[in-house]
Amino acid sequence: MLIRPVALYLPVVLVPVTVAVVSQSRGRKALMAAALLIGFCVPVGAWVVRNAEIAGGPMVSSVDSYNLLAYRAAGAVAAETGVTMDEASRALTDQLRSRVRPGDSEYAIAAVERDQALRIIRQHPRGLVISSARGFAHVVLAPGLGVVDATSPDLPRPVRTLLALYAGGIAVAVILGALAGALLLLRRGRWRVALGVIAVAFYLIVVSSGPEGESRFRVPILPLLAVLAGPALVALGGDLSRRRRHSGREIVGRQASQGAAQA
């Protein structure tokens, strides 16, 4: 997560969640929120200062505005108008060139990219929803065999299918386990335990669910989902253990009854 700019905005989620889930006084909550913000602001703030000196203005990254234009806005246009993603991206990039002057700083270019992308997204809200839904499905469920296809293009189809089923099966199992674990925690009134993990996982899924979404974006999400799945697995193990003990007592009881009858 640390090498993806989207993860640098996690405090936007973590700070209010921390205030909500910590059962302490207001002073202690404020202290914990301040500690979290300081831990975020020191390294990221230093990076922003560095970018202000080099890129011409305070910014975390220039790639976020580019992705917003070339992927999110282009994806919205493609989904709503029927053109290909590449065609929409090229058209928006050409429009950007007409608004950028030679010698503009990275900060100025990023500002134009962001302004144009947000304007296009507001014009194509339905396309944004459609492209985001497709990106969500790809991030959450895609088997992620791009590297296999690139390195082993002659891989037999049955083997590739088996790998796809294996990778997709793991993703589905973890997701179902996470849903079961979250519902179990909520039913038991332990929403404070679940909220923090759910909020971070939800944030990462949402910000990754665009036309640029890839299965590798699922990597930082899976450990969080596995944590949520833990309570469900523990509960399932407890149920199986109780059933075995109950079954064992029934067998012993029947054997005792048969012995008494024979006597």
Protein backbone atom coordinates (compact mmCIF):
# COMPACT_ATOMS: atom_id res chain seq x y z
CA MET A 1 0.00 0.00 0.00
CA LEU A 2 2.84 2.39 0.70
CA ILE A 3 3.83 2.62 -2.96
CA ARG A 4 0.30 3.41 -4.16
CA PRO A 5 -0.67 7.09 -3.86
CA VAL A 6 -4.29 6.18 -3.04
CA ALA A 7 -3.14 4.61 0.23
CA LEU A 8 -1.65 7.92 1.35
CA TYR A 9 -5.19 9.22 1.93
CA LEU A 10 -6.07 6.43 4.38
CA PRO A 11 -6.12 8.83 7.38
CA VAL A 12 -9.30 10.31 5.87
CA VAL A 13 -10.87 6.97 6.83
CA LEU A 14 -8.73 5.95 9.78
CA VAL A 15 -9.10 9.09 11.89
CA PRO A 16 -12.93 9.14 12.09
CA VAL A 17 -13.01 5.36 12.47
CA THR A 18 -10.53 5.57 15.35
CA VAL A 19 -12.66 8.21 17.06
CA ALA A 20 -15.77 6.05 16.55
CA VAL A 21 -14.45 2.68 17.74
CA VAL A 22 -12.22 3.67 20.67
CA SER A 23 -14.21 3.59 23.92
CA GLN A 24 -12.23 6.29 25.69
CA SER A 25 -12.82 9.84 26.85
CA ARG A 26 -12.98 12.63 24.31
CA GLY A 27 -9.52 13.77 25.32
CA ARG A 28 -8.02 10.33 24.76
CA LYS A 29 -9.79 10.03 21.41
CA ALA A 30 -8.45 13.42 20.33
CA LEU A 31 -4.96 12.40 21.44
CA MET A 32 -5.08 9.16 19.46
CA ALA A 33 -6.43 10.93 16.37
CA ALA A 34 -3.69 13.57 16.67
CA ALA A 35 -1.00 10.87 16.96
CA LEU A 36 -2.34 9.19 13.84
CA LEU A 37 -2.41 12.45 11.92
CA ILE A 38 1.12 13.37 13.01
CA GLY A 39 2.40 9.98 11.90
CA PHE A 40 0.83 10.67 8.51
CA CYS A 41 1.68 14.35 8.14
CA VAL A 42 5.39 14.14 8.91
CA PRO A 43 6.55 11.85 6.06
CA VAL A 44 3.83 12.82 3.58
CA GLY A 45 4.18 16.51 4.41
CA ALA A 46 7.91 16.35 3.76
CA TRP A 47 7.18 14.72 0.39
CA VAL A 48 4.64 17.46 -0.46
CA VAL A 49 7.21 20.13 0.38
CA ARG A 50 9.72 18.37 -1.85
CA ASN A 51 7.20 18.25 -4.71
CA ALA A 52 6.34 21.92 -4.23
CA GLU A 53 9.99 22.74 -4.86
CA ILE A 54 10.45 20.41 -7.84
CA ALA A 55 7.00 20.23 -9.47
CA GLY A 56 5.98 23.86 -9.01
CA GLY A 57 3.31 23.41 -6.34
CA PRO A 58 2.24 21.32 -3.31
CA MET A 59 1.08 17.89 -4.43
CA VAL A 60 1.31 14.31 -3.23
CA SER A 61 1.61 12.78 -6.70
CA SER A 62 0.98 13.69 -10.32
CA VAL A 63 -0.18 10.21 -11.28
CA ASP A 64 -3.49 10.53 -9.42
CA SER A 65 -4.71 13.36 -11.67
CA TYR A 66 -3.48 11.51 -14.77
CA ASN A 67 -5.30 8.33 -13.71
CA LEU A 68 -8.42 10.35 -12.98
CA LEU A 69 -8.40 11.64 -16.56
CA ALA A 70 -6.97 8.74 -18.58
CA TYR A 71 -8.85 5.99 -16.74
CA ARG A 72 -11.78 7.15 -14.61
CA ALA A 73 -13.01 9.90 -16.96
CA ALA A 74 -12.12 7.93 -20.10
CA GLY A 75 -13.81 4.85 -18.67
CA ALA A 76 -16.98 6.82 -17.99
CA VAL A 77 -17.00 8.14 -21.57
CA ALA A 78 -16.32 4.68 -23.04
CA ALA A 79 -19.03 2.98 -20.98
CA GLU A 80 -21.65 5.62 -21.83
CA THR A 81 -20.88 6.26 -25.50
CA GLY A 82 -19.73 2.83 -26.68
CA VAL A 83 -16.26 3.84 -27.89
CA THR A 84 -13.26 1.82 -26.79
CA MET A 85 -11.29 2.72 -23.71
CA ASP A 86 -8.21 3.53 -25.81
CA GLU A 87 -10.21 5.83 -28.09
CA ALA A 88 -11.72 7.72 -25.17
CA SER A 89 -8.35 8.05 -23.44
CA ARG A 90 -6.66 9.36 -26.60
CA ALA A 91 -9.45 11.89 -27.19
CA LEU A 92 -9.21 13.25 -23.65
CA THR A 93 -5.42 13.36 -23.84
CA ASP A 94 -5.62 15.33 -27.10
CA GLN A 95 -8.02 17.79 -25.47
CA LEU A 96 -5.57 18.17 -22.59
CA ARG A 97 -2.73 19.10 -24.95
CA SER A 98 -4.74 22.02 -26.25
CA ARG A 99 -5.06 23.41 -22.72
CA VAL A 100 -1.44 22.93 -21.66
CA ARG A 101 1.21 25.46 -22.63
CA PRO A 102 4.89 24.67 -23.22
CA GLY A 103 6.85 25.14 -20.04
CA ASP A 104 3.92 24.50 -17.68
CA SER A 105 4.98 22.89 -14.43
CA GLU A 106 3.87 19.40 -13.38
CA TYR A 107 1.67 21.03 -10.78
CA ALA A 108 -0.08 23.18 -13.40
CA ILE A 109 -0.54 20.20 -15.74
CA ALA A 110 -1.96 18.10 -12.91
CA ALA A 111 -4.42 20.88 -12.07
CA VAL A 112 -5.65 20.98 -15.69
CA GLU A 113 -5.92 17.16 -15.78
CA ARG A 114 -7.95 17.13 -12.57
CA ASP A 115 -10.24 19.94 -13.71
CA GLN A 116 -10.91 18.29 -17.08
CA ALA A 117 -11.41 14.84 -15.54
CA LEU A 118 -13.94 16.06 -12.96
CA ARG A 119 -15.85 17.97 -15.63
CA ILE A 120 -16.04 14.87 -17.87
CA ILE A 121 -17.11 12.67 -14.94
CA ARG A 122 -19.93 15.08 -14.04
CA GLN A 123 -21.11 14.87 -17.65
CA HIS A 124 -21.11 11.04 -17.66
CA PRO A 125 -22.31 9.84 -14.23
CA ARG A 126 -23.95 6.69 -15.59
CA GLY A 127 -20.78 5.72 -17.42
CA LEU A 128 -18.79 6.23 -14.21
CA VAL A 129 -21.08 3.85 -12.32
CA ILE A 130 -20.86 1.21 -15.06
CA SER A 131 -17.07 1.40 -15.45
CA SER A 132 -16.59 1.39 -11.66
CA ALA A 133 -18.78 -1.70 -11.31
CA ARG A 134 -16.71 -3.49 -13.95
CA GLY A 135 -13.52 -2.41 -12.22
CA PHE A 136 -14.87 -3.65 -8.89
CA ALA A 137 -15.60 -7.08 -10.35
CA HIS A 138 -12.14 -7.23 -11.90
CA VAL A 139 -10.33 -6.22 -8.70
CA VAL A 140 -12.33 -8.57 -6.49
CA LEU A 141 -12.75 -11.66 -8.68
CA ALA A 142 -10.28 -11.65 -11.60
CA PRO A 143 -7.82 -14.58 -11.37
CA GLY A 144 -4.85 -12.38 -12.30
CA LEU A 145 -3.14 -14.56 -14.87
CA GLY A 146 -1.60 -11.72 -16.85
CA VAL A 147 1.93 -12.63 -15.78
CA VAL A 148 1.30 -16.29 -16.61
CA ASP A 149 0.03 -15.34 -20.07
CA ALA A 150 3.03 -13.08 -20.66
CA THR A 151 5.67 -15.55 -19.47
CA SER A 152 4.03 -18.79 -20.62
CA PRO A 153 1.91 -18.02 -23.70
CA ASP A 154 1.96 -21.68 -24.77
CA LEU A 155 0.57 -22.95 -21.47
CA PRO A 156 -1.99 -25.72 -22.14
CA ARG A 157 -5.55 -24.48 -21.83
CA PRO A 158 -6.56 -27.04 -19.15
CA VAL A 159 -3.65 -25.92 -16.96
CA ARG A 160 -4.55 -22.27 -17.41
CA THR A 161 -8.18 -23.01 -16.59
CA LEU A 162 -7.10 -24.87 -13.45
CA LEU A 163 -4.95 -21.93 -12.34
CA ALA A 164 -7.81 -19.52 -12.98
CA LEU A 165 -10.22 -21.64 -10.95
CA TYR A 166 -7.69 -21.95 -8.14
CA ALA A 167 -6.97 -18.20 -7.95
CA GLY A 168 -10.62 -17.23 -8.34
CA GLY A 169 -11.68 -19.83 -5.80
CA ILE A 170 -9.34 -18.40 -3.18
CA ALA A 171 -10.73 -14.89 -3.77
CA VAL A 172 -14.34 -16.08 -3.53
CA ALA A 173 -13.65 -18.15 -0.40
CA VAL A 174 -11.97 -15.23 1.38
CA ILE A 175 -14.73 -12.80 0.40
CA LEU A 176 -17.50 -15.14 1.57
CA GLY A 177 -15.61 -15.82 4.80
CA ALA A 178 -15.16 -12.08 5.37
CA LEU A 179 -18.87 -11.43 4.86
CA ALA A 180 -19.76 -14.25 7.25
CA GLY A 181 -17.26 -13.03 9.84
CA ALA A 182 -18.46 -9.43 9.61
CA LEU A 183 -22.10 -10.48 10.03
CA LEU A 184 -21.17 -12.67 12.98
CA LEU A 185 -19.33 -9.83 14.72
CA LEU A 186 -22.23 -7.44 14.11
CA ARG A 187 -24.76 -9.97 15.44
CA ARG A 188 -22.71 -10.34 18.60
CA GLY A 189 -22.59 -6.59 19.06
CA ARG A 190 -18.85 -6.34 18.37
CA TRP A 191 -19.17 -3.70 15.69
CA ARG A 192 -16.17 -1.79 17.05
CA VAL A 193 -13.93 -4.74 16.20
CA ALA A 194 -15.31 -5.06 12.68
CA LEU A 195 -15.67 -1.39 11.73
CA GLY A 196 -11.99 -0.52 11.44
CA VAL A 197 -11.12 -3.48 9.22
CA ILE A 198 -14.28 -3.10 7.13
CA ALA A 199 -13.67 0.64 6.60
CA VAL A 200 -10.08 0.20 5.40
CA ALA A 201 -10.97 -2.75 3.14
CA PHE A 202 -13.95 -0.84 1.71
CA TYR A 203 -11.81 2.23 1.07
CA LEU A 204 -9.14 0.25 -0.80
CA ILE A 205 -11.75 -1.59 -2.88
CA VAL A 206 -13.56 1.62 -3.83
CA VAL A 207 -10.47 3.60 -4.83
CA SER A 208 -9.17 0.62 -6.83
CA SER A 209 -12.45 -0.09 -8.65
CA GLY A 210 -11.98 1.77 -11.88
CA PRO A 211 -11.09 0.89 -15.47
CA GLU A 212 -7.46 0.73 -14.33
CA GLY A 213 -8.36 -1.89 -11.72
CA GLU A 214 -6.26 -5.05 -11.76
CA SER A 215 -6.26 -8.18 -9.66
CA ARG A 216 -2.92 -7.15 -8.12
CA PHE A 217 -4.77 -4.31 -6.37
CA ARG A 218 -6.44 -7.06 -4.35
CA VAL A 219 -3.16 -7.93 -2.62
CA PRO A 220 -3.39 -5.36 0.24
CA ILE A 221 -7.11 -6.10 0.65
CA LEU A 222 -6.93 -9.88 1.09
CA PRO A 223 -5.20 -9.81 4.52
CA LEU A 224 -7.96 -7.53 5.83
CA LEU A 225 -10.64 -9.84 4.47
CA ALA A 226 -8.84 -12.82 6.00
CA VAL A 227 -8.92 -11.09 9.39
CA LEU A 228 -12.67 -10.62 9.03
CA ALA A 229 -13.07 -14.27 8.02
CA GLY A 230 -11.34 -15.40 11.21
CA PRO A 231 -14.39 -15.23 13.52
CA ALA A 232 -16.46 -17.22 11.03
CA LEU A 233 -13.81 -19.94 10.86
CA VAL A 234 -13.54 -20.06 14.66
CA ALA A 235 -17.32 -20.31 14.99
CA LEU A 236 -17.43 -23.05 12.33
CA GLY A 237 -14.66 -24.97 14.10
CA GLY A 238 -16.54 -24.68 17.39
CA ASP A 239 -19.75 -26.00 15.81
CA LEU A 240 -17.93 -28.96 14.27
CA SER A 241 -16.24 -29.73 17.59
CA ARG A 242 -19.57 -29.65 19.46
CA ARG A 243 -21.17 -31.90 16.86
CA ARG A 244 -18.33 -34.42 17.19
CA ARG A 245 -18.65 -34.43 20.98
CA HIS A 246 -22.43 -34.81 20.74
CA SER A 247 -22.07 -37.62 18.22
CA GLY A 248 -19.50 -39.32 20.45
CA ARG A 249 -21.83 -39.18 23.47
CA GLU A 250 -24.65 -40.66 21.39
CA ILE A 251 -22.44 -43.57 20.32
CA VAL A 252 -21.33 -44.21 23.89
CA GLY A 253 -24.96 -44.04 25.07
CA ARG A 254 -26.11 -46.56 22.44
CA GLN A 255 -23.25 -48.93 23.31
CA ALA A 256 -24.15 -48.71 27.00
CA SER A 257 -27.81 -49.40 26.25
CA GLN A 258 -26.93 -52.40 24.09
CA GLY A 259 -24.63 -53.76 26.81
CA ALA A 260 -27.35 -53.41 29.44
CA ALA A 261 -29.90 -55.14 27.18
CA GLN A 262 -27.58 -58.06 26.53
CA ALA A 263 -26.89 -58.43 30.24
